[in-house]
PDB file of N, CA and C in Angstrom:
ATOM      1  N   MET A   1      28.150 -17.684   1.872  1.00  0.00           N
ATOM      2  CA  MET A   1      27.828 -16.657   0.905  1.00  0.00           C
ATOM      3  C   MET A   1      26.558 -16.987   0.116  1.00  0.00           C
ATOM      4  N   ARG A   2      26.374 -18.277  -0.177  1.00  0.00           N
ATOM      5  CA  ARG A   2      25.210 -18.659  -0.960  1.00  0.00           C
ATOM      6  C   ARG A   2      23.910 -18.401  -0.203  1.00  0.00           C
ATOM      7  N   ALA A   3      23.940 -18.625   1.118  1.00  0.00           N
ATOM      8  CA  ALA A   3      22.739 -18.382   1.918  1.00  0.00           C
ATOM      9  C   ALA A   3      22.387 -16.901   1.919  1.00  0.00           C
ATOM     10  N   ARG A   4      23.395 -16.046   2.024  1.00  0.00           N
ATOM     11  CA  ARG A   4      23.133 -14.606   2.020  1.00  0.00           C
ATOM     12  C   ARG A   4      22.588 -14.165   0.668  1.00  0.00           C
ATOM     13  N   GLY A   5      23.109 -14.720  -0.393  1.00  0.00           N
ATOM     14  CA  GLY A   5      22.600 -14.399  -1.725  1.00  0.00           C
ATOM     15  C   GLY A   5      21.152 -14.821  -1.877  1.00  0.00           C
ATOM     16  N   GLY A   6      20.809 -15.981  -1.322  1.00  0.00           N
ATOM     17  CA  GLY A   6      19.429 -16.436  -1.368  1.00  0.00           C
ATOM     18  C   GLY A   6      18.511 -15.538  -0.573  1.00  0.00           C
ATOM     19  N   ALA A   7      18.995 -15.076   0.587  1.00  0.00           N
ATOM     20  CA  ALA A   7      18.195 -14.158   1.413  1.00  0.00           C
ATOM     21  C   ALA A   7      17.989 -12.840   0.687  1.00  0.00           C
ATOM     22  N   ASN A   8      19.032 -12.339   0.044  1.00  0.00           N
ATOM     23  CA  ASN A   8      18.903 -11.096  -0.722  1.00  0.00           C
ATOM     24  C   ASN A   8      17.877 -11.249  -1.833  1.00  0.00           C
ATOM     25  N   ASP A   9      17.905 -12.377  -2.508  1.00  0.00           N
ATOM     26  CA  ASP A   9      16.933 -12.625  -3.578  1.00  0.00           C
ATOM     27  C   ASP A   9      15.512 -12.681  -3.033  1.00  0.00           C
ATOM     28  N   ALA A  10      15.360 -13.290  -1.854  1.00  0.00           N
ATOM     29  CA  ALA A  10      14.028 -13.400  -1.258  1.00  0.00           C
ATOM     30  C   ALA A  10      13.496 -12.026  -0.865  1.00  0.00           C
ATOM     31  N   VAL A  11      14.340 -11.193  -0.283  1.00  0.00           N
ATOM     32  CA  VAL A  11      13.914  -9.839   0.104  1.00  0.00           C
ATOM     33  C   VAL A  11      13.572  -9.028  -1.133  1.00  0.00           C
ATOM     34  N   ARG A  12      14.368  -9.141  -2.164  1.00  0.00           N
ATOM     35  CA  ARG A  12      14.118  -8.417  -3.409  1.00  0.00           C
ATOM     36  C   ARG A  12      12.775  -8.853  -4.016  1.00  0.00           C
ATOM     37  N   ALA A  13      12.485 -10.145  -3.962  1.00  0.00           N
ATOM     38  CA  ALA A  13      11.211 -10.650  -4.492  1.00  0.00           C
ATOM     39  C   ALA A  13      10.036 -10.102  -3.681  1.00  0.00           C
ATOM     40  N   LEU A  14      10.184  -9.990  -2.356  1.00  0.00           N
ATOM     41  CA  LEU A  14       9.123  -9.411  -1.536  1.00  0.00           C
ATOM     42  C   LEU A  14       8.895  -7.946  -1.868  1.00  0.00           C
ATOM     43  N   LEU A  15       9.968  -7.205  -2.058  1.00  0.00           N
ATOM     44  CA  LEU A  15       9.839  -5.784  -2.390  1.00  0.00           C
ATOM     45  C   LEU A  15       9.180  -5.589  -3.748  1.00  0.00           C
ATOM     46  N   ASP A  16       9.413  -6.512  -4.659  1.00  0.00           N
ATOM     47  CA  ASP A  16       8.796  -6.416  -5.986  1.00  0.00           C
ATOM     48  C   ASP A  16       7.289  -6.647  -5.935  1.00  0.00           C
ATOM     49  N   LEU A  17       6.784  -7.248  -4.857  1.00  0.00           N
ATOM     50  CA  LEU A  17       5.343  -7.471  -4.731  1.00  0.00           C
ATOM     51  C   LEU A  17       4.585  -6.180  -4.441  1.00  0.00           C
ATOM     52  N   ALA A  18       5.242  -5.194  -3.840  1.00  0.00           N
ATOM     53  CA  ALA A  18       4.574  -3.939  -3.494  1.00  0.00           C
ATOM     54  C   ALA A  18       4.265  -3.156  -4.760  1.00  0.00           C
ATOM     55  N   PRO A  19       3.072  -2.591  -4.855  1.00  0.00           N
ATOM     56  CA  PRO A  19       2.737  -1.777  -6.022  1.00  0.00           C
ATOM     57  C   PRO A  19       3.570  -0.493  -6.021  1.00  0.00           C
ATOM     58  N   PRO A  20       3.837   0.075  -7.187  1.00  0.00           N
ATOM     59  CA  PRO A  20       4.678   1.275  -7.253  1.00  0.00           C
ATOM     60  C   PRO A  20       4.007   2.524  -6.694  1.00  0.00           C
ATOM     61  N   ALA A  21       2.677   2.567  -6.683  1.00  0.00           N
ATOM     62  CA  ALA A  21       1.968   3.760  -6.194  1.00  0.00           C
ATOM     63  C   ALA A  21       0.708   3.336  -5.456  1.00  0.00           C
ATOM     64  N   ARG A  22       0.227   4.223  -4.579  1.00  0.00           N
ATOM     65  CA  ARG A  22      -0.971   3.960  -3.795  1.00  0.00           C
ATOM     66  C   ARG A  22      -1.872   5.170  -3.821  1.00  0.00           C
ATOM     67  N   LEU A  23      -3.166   4.930  -3.637  1.00  0.00           N
ATOM     68  CA  LEU A  23      -4.123   6.024  -3.474  1.00  0.00           C
ATOM     69  C   LEU A  23      -4.164   6.396  -1.997  1.00  0.00           C
ATOM     70  N   VAL A  24      -3.912   7.666  -1.708  1.00  0.00           N
ATOM     71  CA  VAL A  24      -3.890   8.175  -0.347  1.00  0.00           C
ATOM     72  C   VAL A  24      -4.863   9.342  -0.266  1.00  0.00           C
ATOM     73  N   VAL A  25      -5.580   9.445   0.849  1.00  0.00           N
ATOM     74  CA  VAL A  25      -6.473  10.581   1.049  1.00  0.00           C
ATOM     75  C   VAL A  25      -5.678  11.683   1.738  1.00  0.00           C
ATOM     76  N   ARG A  26      -5.548  12.804   1.058  1.00  0.00           N
ATOM     77  CA  ARG A  26      -4.853  13.972   1.615  1.00  0.00           C
ATOM     78  C   ARG A  26      -5.709  15.200   1.340  1.00  0.00           C
ATOM     79  N   ASP A  27      -5.950  15.957   2.375  1.00  0.00           N
ATOM     80  CA  ASP A  27      -6.790  17.162   2.272  1.00  0.00           C
ATOM     81  C   ASP A  27      -8.165  16.845   1.682  1.00  0.00           C
ATOM     82  N   GLY A  28      -8.682  15.658   1.998  1.00  0.00           N
ATOM     83  CA  GLY A  28     -10.015  15.281   1.541  1.00  0.00           C
ATOM     84  C   GLY A  28     -10.101  14.794   0.112  1.00  0.00           C
ATOM     85  N   HIS A  29      -8.966  14.660  -0.556  1.00  0.00           N
ATOM     86  CA  HIS A  29      -8.951  14.198  -1.948  1.00  0.00           C
ATOM     87  C   HIS A  29      -8.065  12.964  -2.076  1.00  0.00           C
ATOM     88  N   GLN A  30      -8.444  12.081  -3.002  1.00  0.00           N
ATOM     89  CA  GLN A  30      -7.615  10.921  -3.284  1.00  0.00           C
ATOM     90  C   GLN A  30      -6.477  11.339  -4.201  1.00  0.00           C
ATOM     91  N   VAL A  31      -5.263  11.014  -3.779  1.00  0.00           N
ATOM     92  CA  VAL A  31      -4.069  11.377  -4.535  1.00  0.00           C
ATOM     93  C   VAL A  31      -3.230  10.120  -4.703  1.00  0.00           C
ATOM     94  N   GLU A  32      -2.735   9.877  -5.901  1.00  0.00           N
ATOM     95  CA  GLU A  32      -1.850   8.740  -6.121  1.00  0.00           C
ATOM     96  C   GLU A  32      -0.422   9.179  -5.824  1.00  0.00           C
ATOM     97  N   VAL A  33       0.224   8.469  -4.895  1.00  0.00           N
ATOM     98  CA  VAL A  33       1.593   8.801  -4.514  1.00  0.00           C
ATOM     99  C   VAL A  33       2.451   7.544  -4.615  1.00  0.00           C
ATOM    100  N   PRO A  34       3.752   7.703  -4.831  1.00  0.00           N
ATOM    101  CA  PRO A  34       4.632   6.533  -4.822  1.00  0.00           C
ATOM    102  C   PRO A  34       4.565   5.846  -3.463  1.00  0.00           C
ATOM    103  N   THR A  35       4.647   4.532  -3.457  1.00  0.00           N
ATOM    104  CA  THR A  35       4.570   3.778  -2.212  1.00  0.00           C
ATOM    105  C   THR A  35       5.607   4.262  -1.211  1.00  0.00           C
ATOM    106  N   ALA A  36       6.781   4.637  -1.663  1.00  0.00           N
ATOM    107  CA  ALA A  36       7.837   5.110  -0.772  1.00  0.00           C
ATOM    108  C   ALA A  36       7.466   6.419  -0.072  1.00  0.00           C
ATOM    109  N   ASP A  37       6.513   7.185  -0.618  1.00  0.00           N
ATOM    110  CA  ASP A  37       6.122   8.465  -0.032  1.00  0.00           C
ATOM    111  C   ASP A  37       4.940   8.359   0.924  1.00  0.00           C
ATOM    112  N   VAL A  38       4.427   7.147   1.152  1.00  0.00           N
ATOM    113  CA  VAL A  38       3.348   6.953   2.127  1.00  0.00           C
ATOM    114  C   VAL A  38       3.961   7.096   3.518  1.00  0.00           C
ATOM    115  N   VAL A  39       3.334   7.937   4.358  1.00  0.00           N
ATOM    116  CA  VAL A  39       3.878   8.195   5.697  1.00  0.00           C
ATOM    117  C   VAL A  39       2.884   7.741   6.765  1.00  0.00           C
ATOM    118  N   ALA A  40       3.382   7.594   7.972  1.00  0.00           N
ATOM    119  CA  ALA A  40       2.531   7.206   9.097  1.00  0.00           C
ATOM    120  C   ALA A  40       1.402   8.221   9.240  1.00  0.00           C
ATOM    121  N   GLY A  41       0.192   7.715   9.384  1.00  0.00           N
ATOM    122  CA  GLY A  41      -0.971   8.575   9.516  1.00  0.00           C
ATOM    123  C   GLY A  41      -1.743   8.767   8.227  1.00  0.00           C
ATOM    124  N   ASP A  42      -1.169   8.387   7.081  1.00  0.00           N
ATOM    125  CA  ASP A  42      -1.895   8.485   5.810  1.00  0.00           C
ATOM    126  C   ASP A  42      -3.054   7.499   5.802  1.00  0.00           C
ATOM    127  N   LEU A  43      -4.143   7.890   5.177  1.00  0.00           N
ATOM    128  CA  LEU A  43      -5.300   7.015   4.986  1.00  0.00           C
ATOM    129  C   LEU A  43      -5.239   6.502   3.559  1.00  0.00           C
ATOM    130  N   LEU A  44      -5.048   5.194   3.407  1.00  0.00           N
ATOM    131  CA  LEU A  44      -4.949   4.587   2.084  1.00  0.00           C
ATOM    132  C   LEU A  44      -6.311   4.117   1.621  1.00  0.00           C
ATOM    133  N   VAL A  45      -6.546   4.230   0.335  1.00  0.00           N
ATOM    134  CA  VAL A  45      -7.748   3.707  -0.289  1.00  0.00           C
ATOM    135  C   VAL A  45      -7.361   2.366  -0.918  1.00  0.00           C
ATOM    136  N   VAL A  46      -8.000   1.306  -0.443  1.00  0.00           N
ATOM    137  CA  VAL A  46      -7.706  -0.033  -0.961  1.00  0.00           C
ATOM    138  C   VAL A  46      -8.960  -0.543  -1.645  1.00  0.00           C
ATOM    139  N   ARG A  47      -8.886  -0.687  -2.928  1.00  0.00           N
ATOM    140  CA  ARG A  47     -10.019  -1.170  -3.707  1.00  0.00           C
ATOM    141  C   ARG A  47      -9.997  -2.693  -3.757  1.00  0.00           C
ATOM    142  N   PRO A  48     -11.134  -3.313  -4.030  1.00  0.00           N
ATOM    143  CA  PRO A  48     -11.179  -4.779  -4.107  1.00  0.00           C
ATOM    144  C   PRO A  48     -10.148  -5.312  -5.105  1.00  0.00           C
ATOM    145  N   GLY A  49      -9.386  -6.298  -4.662  1.00  0.00           N
ATOM    146  CA  GLY A  49      -8.373  -6.911  -5.514  1.00  0.00           C
ATOM    147  C   GLY A  49      -7.037  -6.193  -5.516  1.00  0.00           C
ATOM    148  N   ALA A  50      -6.958  -5.028  -4.873  1.00  0.00           N
ATOM    149  CA  ALA A  50      -5.708  -4.267  -4.854  1.00  0.00           C
ATOM    150  C   ALA A  50      -4.743  -4.855  -3.836  1.00  0.00           C
ATOM    151  N   LYS A  51      -3.451  -4.671  -4.081  1.00  0.00           N
ATOM    152  CA  LYS A  51      -2.437  -5.098  -3.126  1.00  0.00           C
ATOM    153  C   LYS A  51      -2.330  -4.041  -2.034  1.00  0.00           C
ATOM    154  N   ILE A  52      -2.105  -4.493  -0.823  1.00  0.00           N
ATOM    155  CA  ILE A  52      -1.888  -3.563   0.279  1.00  0.00           C
ATOM    156  C   ILE A  52      -0.392  -3.349   0.386  1.00  0.00           C
ATOM    157  N   ALA A  53       0.020  -2.090   0.228  1.00  0.00           N
ATOM    158  CA  ALA A  53       1.431  -1.779   0.059  1.00  0.00           C
ATOM    159  C   ALA A  53       2.205  -1.598   1.354  1.00  0.00           C
ATOM    160  N   VAL A  54       1.526  -1.358   2.448  1.00  0.00           N
ATOM    161  CA  VAL A  54       2.226  -1.039   3.693  1.00  0.00           C
ATOM    162  C   VAL A  54       1.553  -1.724   4.869  1.00  0.00           C
ATOM    163  N   ASP A  55       2.256  -1.768   5.990  1.00  0.00           N
ATOM    164  CA  ASP A  55       1.664  -2.271   7.225  1.00  0.00           C
ATOM    165  C   ASP A  55       0.844  -1.173   7.861  1.00  0.00           C
ATOM    166  N   GLY A  56      -0.154  -1.548   8.629  1.00  0.00           N
ATOM    167  CA  GLY A  56      -0.930  -0.544   9.329  1.00  0.00           C
ATOM    168  C   GLY A  56      -2.206  -1.123   9.904  1.00  0.00           C
ATOM    169  N   TRP A  57      -3.046  -0.254  10.402  1.00  0.00           N
ATOM    170  CA  TRP A  57      -4.339  -0.641  10.954  1.00  0.00           C
ATOM    171  C   TRP A  57      -5.385  -0.609   9.869  1.00  0.00           C
ATOM    172  N   TRP A  58      -6.308  -1.549   9.940  1.00  0.00           N
ATOM    173  CA  TRP A  58      -7.388  -1.632   8.960  1.00  0.00           C
ATOM    174  C   TRP A  58      -8.629  -1.025   9.575  1.00  0.00           C
ATOM    175  N   ARG A  59      -9.229  -0.088   8.868  1.00  0.00           N
ATOM    176  CA  ARG A  59     -10.476   0.517   9.304  1.00  0.00           C
ATOM    177  C   ARG A  59     -11.508   0.279   8.211  1.00  0.00           C
ATOM    178  N   PRO A  60     -12.509  -0.566   8.492  1.00  0.00           N
ATOM    179  CA  PRO A  60     -13.490  -0.881   7.450  1.00  0.00           C
ATOM    180  C   PRO A  60     -14.332   0.332   7.081  1.00  0.00           C
ATOM    181  N   ALA A  61     -14.698   0.378   5.840  1.00  0.00           N
ATOM    182  CA  ALA A  61     -15.582   1.429   5.337  1.00  0.00           C
ATOM    183  C   ALA A  61     -16.748   0.747   4.639  1.00  0.00           C
ATOM    184  N   PRO A  62     -17.885   1.398   4.599  1.00  0.00           N
ATOM    185  CA  PRO A  62     -19.017   0.784   3.901  1.00  0.00           C
ATOM    186  C   PRO A  62     -18.702   0.600   2.415  1.00  0.00           C
ATOM    187  N   ALA A  63     -18.982  -0.557   1.912  1.00  0.00           N
ATOM    188  CA  ALA A  63     -18.705  -0.864   0.501  1.00  0.00           C
ATOM    189  C   ALA A  63     -19.959  -0.598  -0.319  1.00  0.00           C
ATOM    190  N   THR A  64     -20.363   0.652  -0.385  1.00  0.00           N
ATOM    191  CA  THR A  64     -21.539   1.023  -1.156  1.00  0.00           C
ATOM    192  C   THR A  64     -21.199   2.185  -2.069  1.00  0.00           C
ATOM    193  N   SER A  65     -22.104   2.469  -2.980  1.00  0.00           N
ATOM    194  CA  SER A  65     -21.876   3.591  -3.891  1.00  0.00           C
ATOM    195  C   SER A  65     -22.037   4.933  -3.182  1.00  0.00           C
ATOM    196  N   THR A  66     -22.529   4.907  -1.956  1.00  0.00           N
ATOM    197  CA  THR A  66     -22.690   6.159  -1.212  1.00  0.00           C
ATOM    198  C   THR A  66     -21.518   6.421  -0.276  1.00  0.00           C
ATOM    199  N   SER A  67     -20.437   5.622  -0.395  1.00  0.00           N
ATOM    200  CA  SER A  67     -19.279   5.849   0.437  1.00  0.00           C
ATOM    201  C   SER A  67     -18.698   7.230   0.167  1.00  0.00           C
ATOM    202  N   ARG A  68     -18.139   7.818   1.195  1.00  0.00           N
ATOM    203  CA  ARG A  68     -17.589   9.174   1.062  1.00  0.00           C
ATOM    204  C   ARG A  68     -16.457   9.232   0.060  1.00  0.00           C
ATOM    205  N   TRP A  69     -15.613   8.214   0.034  1.00  0.00           N
ATOM    206  CA  TRP A  69     -14.457   8.238  -0.858  1.00  0.00           C
ATOM    207  C   TRP A  69     -14.811   7.499  -2.108  1.00  0.00           C
TER     208      TRP A  69
END
């Protein structure tokens, strides 16, 4: 029982690392949505120093002031 309790605590600690909301591009606009509402195919905006909330493919974007987003 103690091992299962430790595993539960570890999973809970991992879930607490995820940010509560993410910036997602929908219909050409950045929208903040709860992390739980991010769906497959969403394009996330990840700013420098931000936590990445979900698994997925990384597509680099130019890090300039002329970036589209």
